[in-house]
Amino acid sequence: MATRLSTQRLPDAESVLTALGFVVLLNVVGGLPGLLSSPDSAWFRSLEKPWFYPPELAFPIVWTALFTLLGIALWLIWRSDAPGRRLALGLFAVQMLFNVAWTPAFFTLEALGAAFGIIVVLWMSIVATLAAFARVDRRGAALLVPYLAWVTFAAVLNFELWRLNG
């Protein structure tokens, strides 16, 4: 039985290094707010947690995986010459701003309601980014789906923490 070979070329070494750079960049940008504030504070430890609150170890593992997927997705869009590329990149930057703003609002300011407002806007920004990515490169859009799912879960978690401790 003959197999059909793909006509797409494998990325060259420079392209792979560029993709790796995007992955590292997204992990650094995404991780910076965590260096300034942490769930390891007396305030956060004292909060009543909902029954579905995951183990603390889940957060760094999930976020590293998600920022890695985001880096690859961003690289796919960045290297494309498809119409809508600039809009997709701009929307990505906007959603990252809201992503980065959530951590200090929640952990540093201890403002559960404000953090919930930020995460709702983040969620809407991700949906818009996903739609824009889909017009440029469906693979890039698909890589945003786990991120949207996790932020949906995080929004529910944020709301419940606010409700239980507001």
N, C-alpha and C. Protein backbone atom coordinates (compact mmCIF):
# COMPACT_ATOMS: atom_id res chain seq x y z
N MET A 1 0.85 -1.17 0.00
CA MET A 1 0.00 0.00 0.00
C MET A 1 0.90 1.24 0.00
N ALA A 2 0.70 2.10 -0.94
CA ALA A 2 1.51 3.31 -1.06
C ALA A 2 0.93 4.40 -0.16
N THR A 3 1.81 5.17 0.44
CA THR A 3 1.36 6.29 1.25
C THR A 3 1.62 7.57 0.49
N ARG A 4 0.73 8.51 0.68
CA ARG A 4 0.85 9.79 -0.01
C ARG A 4 1.72 10.72 0.83
N LEU A 5 2.76 11.25 0.25
CA LEU A 5 3.65 12.16 0.96
C LEU A 5 3.10 13.58 0.89
N SER A 6 3.25 14.28 1.97
CA SER A 6 2.82 15.66 2.03
C SER A 6 3.71 16.52 1.14
N THR A 7 3.13 17.53 0.54
CA THR A 7 3.91 18.44 -0.29
C THR A 7 4.52 19.57 0.55
N GLN A 8 4.14 19.66 1.82
CA GLN A 8 4.71 20.69 2.67
C GLN A 8 6.12 20.30 3.07
N ARG A 9 6.99 21.29 3.03
CA ARG A 9 8.37 21.06 3.46
C ARG A 9 8.46 21.17 4.97
N LEU A 10 9.42 20.47 5.52
CA LEU A 10 9.70 20.62 6.94
C LEU A 10 10.36 21.97 7.16
N PRO A 11 10.13 22.60 8.32
CA PRO A 11 10.79 23.88 8.58
C PRO A 11 12.30 23.72 8.63
N ASP A 12 13.01 24.75 8.16
CA ASP A 12 14.47 24.70 8.24
C ASP A 12 14.92 25.05 9.66
N ALA A 13 16.22 24.91 9.92
CA ALA A 13 16.77 25.12 11.25
C ALA A 13 16.48 26.54 11.76
N GLU A 14 16.59 27.52 10.90
CA GLU A 14 16.33 28.90 11.31
C GLU A 14 14.88 29.07 11.73
N SER A 15 13.97 28.47 11.00
CA SER A 15 12.56 28.55 11.31
C SER A 15 12.25 27.86 12.65
N VAL A 16 12.88 26.74 12.89
CA VAL A 16 12.69 26.02 14.15
C VAL A 16 13.21 26.86 15.31
N LEU A 17 14.36 27.50 15.12
CA LEU A 17 14.91 28.37 16.17
C LEU A 17 14.00 29.57 16.42
N THR A 18 13.42 30.11 15.37
CA THR A 18 12.48 31.23 15.53
C THR A 18 11.25 30.77 16.31
N ALA A 19 10.73 29.60 15.98
CA ALA A 19 9.58 29.06 16.71
C ALA A 19 9.94 28.87 18.18
N LEU A 20 11.11 28.34 18.44
CA LEU A 20 11.56 28.16 19.82
C LEU A 20 11.66 29.50 20.54
N GLY A 21 12.13 30.52 19.82
CA GLY A 21 12.19 31.86 20.40
C GLY A 21 10.81 32.37 20.80
N PHE A 22 9.80 32.12 19.96
CA PHE A 22 8.43 32.51 20.29
C PHE A 22 7.95 31.77 21.54
N VAL A 23 8.26 30.50 21.63
CA VAL A 23 7.85 29.70 22.79
C VAL A 23 8.49 30.25 24.06
N VAL A 24 9.79 30.51 24.01
CA VAL A 24 10.49 31.04 25.18
C VAL A 24 9.92 32.42 25.54
N LEU A 25 9.73 33.28 24.55
CA LEU A 25 9.19 34.62 24.79
C LEU A 25 7.83 34.55 25.49
N LEU A 26 6.94 33.70 25.00
CA LEU A 26 5.61 33.61 25.60
C LEU A 26 5.67 33.06 27.01
N ASN A 27 6.56 32.11 27.27
CA ASN A 27 6.71 31.58 28.63
C ASN A 27 7.29 32.63 29.58
N VAL A 28 8.22 33.45 29.08
CA VAL A 28 8.79 34.51 29.92
C VAL A 28 7.74 35.58 30.21
N VAL A 29 7.09 36.08 29.16
CA VAL A 29 6.06 37.12 29.34
C VAL A 29 4.94 36.60 30.23
N GLY A 30 4.49 35.39 29.98
CA GLY A 30 3.41 34.82 30.78
C GLY A 30 3.80 34.54 32.21
N GLY A 31 5.07 34.23 32.43
CA GLY A 31 5.52 33.91 33.78
C GLY A 31 5.93 35.09 34.62
N LEU A 32 6.21 36.24 34.00
CA LEU A 32 6.67 37.41 34.76
C LEU A 32 5.74 37.84 35.89
N PRO A 33 4.43 37.94 35.65
CA PRO A 33 3.57 38.36 36.75
C PRO A 33 3.64 37.43 37.97
N GLY A 34 3.91 36.15 37.72
CA GLY A 34 4.02 35.19 38.82
C GLY A 34 5.23 35.43 39.69
N LEU A 35 6.25 36.13 39.16
CA LEU A 35 7.42 36.45 39.96
C LEU A 35 7.13 37.59 40.93
N LEU A 36 6.15 38.42 40.57
CA LEU A 36 5.82 39.58 41.40
C LEU A 36 4.74 39.29 42.43
N SER A 37 3.94 38.28 42.18
CA SER A 37 2.89 37.92 43.12
C SER A 37 2.71 36.41 43.07
N SER A 38 2.16 35.88 44.13
CA SER A 38 2.16 34.43 44.24
C SER A 38 0.95 33.93 45.03
N PRO A 39 0.53 32.71 44.75
CA PRO A 39 -0.52 32.12 45.57
C PRO A 39 0.03 31.67 46.93
N ASP A 40 1.32 31.85 47.13
CA ASP A 40 1.93 31.45 48.39
C ASP A 40 1.95 32.60 49.38
N SER A 41 0.82 33.28 49.50
CA SER A 41 0.71 34.37 50.48
C SER A 41 -0.28 33.97 51.57
N ALA A 42 -0.15 34.60 52.71
CA ALA A 42 -1.07 34.30 53.82
C ALA A 42 -2.51 34.60 53.39
N TRP A 43 -2.69 35.71 52.64
CA TRP A 43 -4.03 36.07 52.18
C TRP A 43 -4.63 34.96 51.34
N PHE A 44 -3.90 34.49 50.34
CA PHE A 44 -4.45 33.48 49.45
C PHE A 44 -4.67 32.16 50.17
N ARG A 45 -3.73 31.78 51.02
CA ARG A 45 -3.89 30.52 51.77
C ARG A 45 -5.12 30.57 52.66
N SER A 46 -5.50 31.77 53.13
CA SER A 46 -6.65 31.88 54.03
C SER A 46 -7.99 31.85 53.30
N LEU A 47 -7.99 31.99 51.99
CA LEU A 47 -9.25 31.99 51.24
C LEU A 47 -9.91 30.62 51.28
N GLU A 48 -11.23 30.64 51.35
CA GLU A 48 -11.99 29.40 51.20
C GLU A 48 -11.96 29.03 49.73
N LYS A 49 -11.59 27.79 49.43
CA LYS A 49 -11.47 27.33 48.05
C LYS A 49 -12.67 26.46 47.70
N PRO A 50 -13.13 26.54 46.45
CA PRO A 50 -14.22 25.65 46.02
C PRO A 50 -13.74 24.20 45.95
N TRP A 51 -14.68 23.30 45.96
CA TRP A 51 -14.36 21.87 45.95
C TRP A 51 -13.55 21.44 44.74
N PHE A 52 -13.65 22.18 43.64
CA PHE A 52 -12.96 21.79 42.40
C PHE A 52 -11.62 22.49 42.21
N TYR A 53 -11.12 23.14 43.25
CA TYR A 53 -9.83 23.82 43.15
C TYR A 53 -8.73 22.78 42.93
N PRO A 54 -7.95 22.94 41.85
CA PRO A 54 -6.94 21.91 41.54
C PRO A 54 -5.73 21.99 42.48
N PRO A 55 -4.92 20.94 42.51
CA PRO A 55 -3.69 21.00 43.30
C PRO A 55 -2.78 22.11 42.78
N GLU A 56 -2.04 22.73 43.66
CA GLU A 56 -1.17 23.86 43.29
C GLU A 56 -0.21 23.51 42.16
N LEU A 57 0.27 22.28 42.13
CA LEU A 57 1.22 21.85 41.10
C LEU A 57 0.63 21.93 39.70
N ALA A 58 -0.69 21.87 39.58
CA ALA A 58 -1.34 21.91 38.26
C ALA A 58 -1.09 23.23 37.55
N PHE A 59 -1.06 24.33 38.29
CA PHE A 59 -0.97 25.64 37.66
C PHE A 59 0.32 25.87 36.87
N PRO A 60 1.51 25.65 37.44
CA PRO A 60 2.71 25.87 36.62
C PRO A 60 2.83 24.89 35.45
N ILE A 61 2.36 23.67 35.64
CA ILE A 61 2.42 22.69 34.56
C ILE A 61 1.49 23.11 33.41
N VAL A 62 0.25 23.44 33.76
CA VAL A 62 -0.72 23.82 32.73
C VAL A 62 -0.29 25.10 32.03
N TRP A 63 0.13 26.12 32.78
CA TRP A 63 0.50 27.38 32.15
C TRP A 63 1.72 27.25 31.26
N THR A 64 2.70 26.43 31.67
CA THR A 64 3.86 26.21 30.80
C THR A 64 3.43 25.55 29.49
N ALA A 65 2.57 24.56 29.58
CA ALA A 65 2.08 23.90 28.36
C ALA A 65 1.30 24.88 27.50
N LEU A 66 0.43 25.69 28.13
CA LEU A 66 -0.38 26.63 27.36
C LEU A 66 0.47 27.72 26.70
N PHE A 67 1.44 28.28 27.44
CA PHE A 67 2.29 29.31 26.85
C PHE A 67 3.16 28.73 25.74
N THR A 68 3.50 27.46 25.83
CA THR A 68 4.24 26.80 24.75
C THR A 68 3.35 26.71 23.51
N LEU A 69 2.09 26.28 23.68
CA LEU A 69 1.16 26.23 22.55
C LEU A 69 0.92 27.62 21.97
N LEU A 70 0.80 28.63 22.85
CA LEU A 70 0.62 30.00 22.37
C LEU A 70 1.81 30.47 21.57
N GLY A 71 3.01 30.12 22.00
CA GLY A 71 4.20 30.51 21.26
C GLY A 71 4.22 29.91 19.86
N ILE A 72 3.86 28.64 19.76
CA ILE A 72 3.81 27.99 18.44
C ILE A 72 2.72 28.62 17.58
N ALA A 73 1.56 28.87 18.18
CA ALA A 73 0.45 29.49 17.44
C ALA A 73 0.86 30.87 16.92
N LEU A 74 1.48 31.66 17.79
CA LEU A 74 1.90 33.00 17.39
C LEU A 74 2.93 32.92 16.27
N TRP A 75 3.85 31.99 16.35
CA TRP A 75 4.85 31.80 15.30
C TRP A 75 4.18 31.47 13.97
N LEU A 76 3.18 30.60 13.99
CA LEU A 76 2.48 30.24 12.75
C LEU A 76 1.84 31.46 12.09
N ILE A 77 1.25 32.32 12.91
CA ILE A 77 0.59 33.52 12.38
C ILE A 77 1.65 34.52 11.92
N TRP A 78 2.68 34.71 12.71
CA TRP A 78 3.73 35.67 12.40
C TRP A 78 4.38 35.36 11.06
N ARG A 79 4.60 34.09 10.75
CA ARG A 79 5.30 33.72 9.51
C ARG A 79 4.38 33.68 8.30
N SER A 80 3.09 33.81 8.52
CA SER A 80 2.12 33.76 7.43
C SER A 80 2.09 35.08 6.66
N ASP A 81 1.71 35.01 5.41
CA ASP A 81 1.48 36.23 4.63
C ASP A 81 0.01 36.35 4.24
N ALA A 82 -0.84 35.61 4.95
CA ALA A 82 -2.28 35.60 4.66
C ALA A 82 -2.92 36.92 5.07
N PRO A 83 -4.00 37.29 4.38
CA PRO A 83 -4.75 38.48 4.79
C PRO A 83 -5.27 38.29 6.22
N GLY A 84 -5.28 39.35 6.98
CA GLY A 84 -5.76 39.29 8.35
C GLY A 84 -4.67 39.03 9.37
N ARG A 85 -3.46 38.86 8.90
CA ARG A 85 -2.34 38.56 9.79
C ARG A 85 -2.12 39.66 10.82
N ARG A 86 -2.12 40.91 10.38
CA ARG A 86 -1.87 42.03 11.31
C ARG A 86 -2.96 42.13 12.38
N LEU A 87 -4.21 41.95 11.98
CA LEU A 87 -5.30 41.97 12.95
C LEU A 87 -5.12 40.84 13.96
N ALA A 88 -4.79 39.65 13.49
CA ALA A 88 -4.59 38.50 14.38
C ALA A 88 -3.47 38.77 15.38
N LEU A 89 -2.37 39.33 14.90
CA LEU A 89 -1.25 39.65 15.79
C LEU A 89 -1.63 40.72 16.81
N GLY A 90 -2.38 41.72 16.36
CA GLY A 90 -2.82 42.77 17.28
C GLY A 90 -3.75 42.25 18.35
N LEU A 91 -4.69 41.40 17.95
CA LEU A 91 -5.61 40.81 18.93
C LEU A 91 -4.86 39.91 19.92
N PHE A 92 -3.86 39.22 19.42
CA PHE A 92 -3.04 38.38 20.30
C PHE A 92 -2.38 39.24 21.37
N ALA A 93 -1.81 40.37 20.96
CA ALA A 93 -1.15 41.27 21.92
C ALA A 93 -2.14 41.78 22.96
N VAL A 94 -3.35 42.12 22.52
CA VAL A 94 -4.37 42.62 23.45
C VAL A 94 -4.73 41.55 24.48
N GLN A 95 -4.97 40.32 24.02
CA GLN A 95 -5.34 39.28 24.97
C GLN A 95 -4.20 38.98 25.93
N MET A 96 -2.94 39.09 25.46
CA MET A 96 -1.81 38.86 26.37
C MET A 96 -1.73 39.95 27.44
N LEU A 97 -2.08 41.17 27.07
CA LEU A 97 -2.10 42.25 28.08
C LEU A 97 -3.08 41.93 29.20
N PHE A 98 -4.26 41.44 28.83
CA PHE A 98 -5.24 41.07 29.85
C PHE A 98 -4.79 39.84 30.64
N ASN A 99 -4.12 38.92 29.96
CA ASN A 99 -3.60 37.74 30.65
C ASN A 99 -2.60 38.16 31.72
N VAL A 100 -1.67 39.04 31.35
CA VAL A 100 -0.64 39.50 32.27
C VAL A 100 -1.24 40.36 33.39
N ALA A 101 -2.29 41.11 33.10
CA ALA A 101 -2.91 41.99 34.11
C ALA A 101 -3.67 41.23 35.18
N TRP A 102 -4.12 40.02 34.87
CA TRP A 102 -4.95 39.29 35.82
C TRP A 102 -4.20 38.95 37.10
N THR A 103 -2.99 38.46 36.99
CA THR A 103 -2.24 37.98 38.17
C THR A 103 -2.04 39.07 39.22
N PRO A 104 -1.53 40.25 38.86
CA PRO A 104 -1.39 41.28 39.90
C PRO A 104 -2.73 41.76 40.45
N ALA A 105 -3.77 41.80 39.62
CA ALA A 105 -5.08 42.21 40.12
C ALA A 105 -5.57 41.22 41.18
N PHE A 106 -5.38 39.96 40.90
CA PHE A 106 -5.86 38.93 41.81
C PHE A 106 -4.96 38.80 43.04
N PHE A 107 -3.68 38.55 42.84
CA PHE A 107 -2.79 38.21 43.95
C PHE A 107 -2.17 39.41 44.65
N THR A 108 -1.80 40.47 43.92
CA THR A 108 -1.16 41.62 44.54
C THR A 108 -2.19 42.57 45.14
N LEU A 109 -3.20 42.92 44.33
CA LEU A 109 -4.23 43.84 44.82
C LEU A 109 -5.29 43.12 45.66
N GLU A 110 -5.32 41.79 45.56
CA GLU A 110 -6.31 40.97 46.28
C GLU A 110 -7.73 41.41 45.94
N ALA A 111 -7.92 41.77 44.68
CA ALA A 111 -9.19 42.30 44.18
C ALA A 111 -9.88 41.22 43.35
N LEU A 112 -10.60 40.33 44.02
CA LEU A 112 -11.22 39.20 43.33
C LEU A 112 -12.25 39.63 42.29
N GLY A 113 -13.03 40.66 42.59
CA GLY A 113 -14.03 41.15 41.65
C GLY A 113 -13.40 41.78 40.42
N ALA A 114 -12.37 42.61 40.64
CA ALA A 114 -11.67 43.24 39.51
C ALA A 114 -10.99 42.17 38.67
N ALA A 115 -10.39 41.18 39.32
CA ALA A 115 -9.73 40.10 38.58
C ALA A 115 -10.76 39.33 37.75
N PHE A 116 -11.95 39.15 38.30
CA PHE A 116 -12.99 38.47 37.52
C PHE A 116 -13.36 39.29 36.29
N GLY A 117 -13.47 40.60 36.44
CA GLY A 117 -13.76 41.46 35.29
C GLY A 117 -12.66 41.36 34.23
N ILE A 118 -11.42 41.31 34.68
CA ILE A 118 -10.29 41.19 33.75
C ILE A 118 -10.35 39.84 33.02
N ILE A 119 -10.65 38.78 33.74
CA ILE A 119 -10.65 37.46 33.10
C ILE A 119 -11.82 37.32 32.12
N VAL A 120 -12.92 38.00 32.38
CA VAL A 120 -14.03 37.98 31.41
C VAL A 120 -13.60 38.68 30.12
N VAL A 121 -12.93 39.82 30.25
CA VAL A 121 -12.44 40.53 29.06
C VAL A 121 -11.36 39.68 28.37
N LEU A 122 -10.51 39.03 29.16
CA LEU A 122 -9.51 38.13 28.59
C LEU A 122 -10.18 37.04 27.77
N TRP A 123 -11.21 36.43 28.32
CA TRP A 123 -11.94 35.36 27.62
C TRP A 123 -12.48 35.85 26.28
N MET A 124 -13.11 37.03 26.30
CA MET A 124 -13.65 37.59 25.05
C MET A 124 -12.52 37.90 24.06
N SER A 125 -11.40 38.37 24.56
CA SER A 125 -10.25 38.66 23.71
C SER A 125 -9.68 37.39 23.08
N ILE A 126 -9.68 36.31 23.84
CA ILE A 126 -9.19 35.03 23.31
C ILE A 126 -10.12 34.54 22.21
N VAL A 127 -11.42 34.66 22.41
CA VAL A 127 -12.38 34.25 21.38
C VAL A 127 -12.14 35.05 20.10
N ALA A 128 -11.96 36.36 20.22
CA ALA A 128 -11.70 37.20 19.05
C ALA A 128 -10.38 36.81 18.39
N THR A 129 -9.36 36.55 19.20
CA THR A 129 -8.05 36.15 18.67
C THR A 129 -8.16 34.81 17.95
N LEU A 130 -8.87 33.88 18.54
CA LEU A 130 -9.05 32.56 17.93
C LEU A 130 -9.73 32.70 16.57
N ALA A 131 -10.76 33.53 16.49
CA ALA A 131 -11.46 33.74 15.21
C ALA A 131 -10.52 34.37 14.18
N ALA A 132 -9.72 35.35 14.61
CA ALA A 132 -8.79 36.00 13.68
C ALA A 132 -7.69 35.02 13.25
N PHE A 133 -7.21 34.21 14.18
CA PHE A 133 -6.20 33.21 13.83
C PHE A 133 -6.76 32.22 12.82
N ALA A 134 -8.02 31.82 12.98
CA ALA A 134 -8.62 30.83 12.08
C ALA A 134 -8.64 31.33 10.64
N ARG A 135 -8.75 32.64 10.45
CA ARG A 135 -8.73 33.20 9.09
C ARG A 135 -7.34 33.18 8.47
N VAL A 136 -6.30 33.11 9.32
CA VAL A 136 -4.92 33.15 8.84
C VAL A 136 -4.33 31.75 8.76
N ASP A 137 -4.47 30.97 9.84
CA ASP A 137 -3.90 29.62 9.89
C ASP A 137 -4.71 28.81 10.91
N ARG A 138 -5.45 27.84 10.42
CA ARG A 138 -6.32 27.05 11.30
C ARG A 138 -5.53 26.29 12.37
N ARG A 139 -4.30 25.92 12.05
CA ARG A 139 -3.48 25.24 13.06
C ARG A 139 -3.22 26.16 14.24
N GLY A 140 -2.93 27.42 13.96
CA GLY A 140 -2.71 28.39 15.02
C GLY A 140 -3.95 28.56 15.88
N ALA A 141 -5.10 28.62 15.22
CA ALA A 141 -6.36 28.74 15.97
C ALA A 141 -6.59 27.51 16.84
N ALA A 142 -6.33 26.34 16.30
CA ALA A 142 -6.54 25.10 17.06
C ALA A 142 -5.66 25.07 18.32
N LEU A 143 -4.46 25.64 18.21
CA LEU A 143 -3.57 25.66 19.36
C LEU A 143 -4.06 26.58 20.48
N LEU A 144 -5.00 27.47 20.17
CA LEU A 144 -5.57 28.36 21.19
C LEU A 144 -6.73 27.72 21.95
N VAL A 145 -7.28 26.64 21.45
CA VAL A 145 -8.46 26.02 22.07
C VAL A 145 -8.19 25.55 23.50
N PRO A 146 -7.07 24.87 23.80
CA PRO A 146 -6.83 24.50 25.20
C PRO A 146 -6.70 25.72 26.11
N TYR A 147 -6.13 26.78 25.61
CA TYR A 147 -6.00 28.04 26.36
C TYR A 147 -7.38 28.60 26.69
N LEU A 148 -8.26 28.62 25.71
CA LEU A 148 -9.62 29.10 25.95
C LEU A 148 -10.32 28.22 26.98
N ALA A 149 -10.14 26.92 26.89
CA ALA A 149 -10.76 26.00 27.85
C ALA A 149 -10.23 26.27 29.27
N TRP A 150 -8.93 26.45 29.40
CA TRP A 150 -8.35 26.69 30.73
C TRP A 150 -8.79 28.04 31.29
N VAL A 151 -8.82 29.07 30.46
CA VAL A 151 -9.25 30.39 30.94
C VAL A 151 -10.74 30.34 31.31
N THR A 152 -11.53 29.54 30.62
CA THR A 152 -12.93 29.35 31.00
C THR A 152 -13.00 28.75 32.41
N PHE A 153 -12.22 27.71 32.63
CA PHE A 153 -12.15 27.09 33.96
C PHE A 153 -11.65 28.09 34.99
N ALA A 154 -10.60 28.84 34.65
CA ALA A 154 -10.05 29.82 35.58
C ALA A 154 -11.06 30.91 35.92
N ALA A 155 -11.89 31.30 34.95
CA ALA A 155 -12.92 32.31 35.20
C ALA A 155 -13.95 31.77 36.20
N VAL A 156 -14.35 30.54 36.03
CA VAL A 156 -15.30 29.92 36.97
C VAL A 156 -14.66 29.85 38.35
N LEU A 157 -13.40 29.45 38.40
CA LEU A 157 -12.68 29.37 39.67
C LEU A 157 -12.56 30.75 40.32
N ASN A 158 -12.21 31.76 39.54
CA ASN A 158 -12.11 33.13 40.04
C ASN A 158 -13.46 33.58 40.60
N PHE A 159 -14.53 33.32 39.86
CA PHE A 159 -15.86 33.72 40.32
C PHE A 159 -16.21 33.04 41.64
N GLU A 160 -15.94 31.75 41.72
CA GLU A 160 -16.26 31.01 42.95
C GLU A 160 -15.43 31.51 44.13
N LEU A 161 -14.17 31.80 43.91
CA LEU A 161 -13.35 32.36 45.00
C LEU A 161 -13.91 33.71 45.44
N TRP A 162 -14.34 34.51 44.50
CA TRP A 162 -14.94 35.81 44.81
C TRP A 162 -16.25 35.61 45.58
N ARG A 163 -17.08 34.70 45.11
CA ARG A 163 -18.36 34.43 45.76
C ARG A 163 -18.17 33.90 47.19
N LEU A 164 -17.24 32.99 47.36
CA LEU A 164 -17.02 32.37 48.67
C LEU A 164 -16.35 33.32 49.65
N ASN A 165 -15.58 34.28 49.15
CA ASN A 165 -14.77 35.11 50.03
C ASN A 165 -15.07 36.61 49.91
N GLY A 166 -16.08 36.96 49.09
CA GLY A 166 -16.39 38.37 48.84
C GLY A 166 -17.00 39.04 50.02
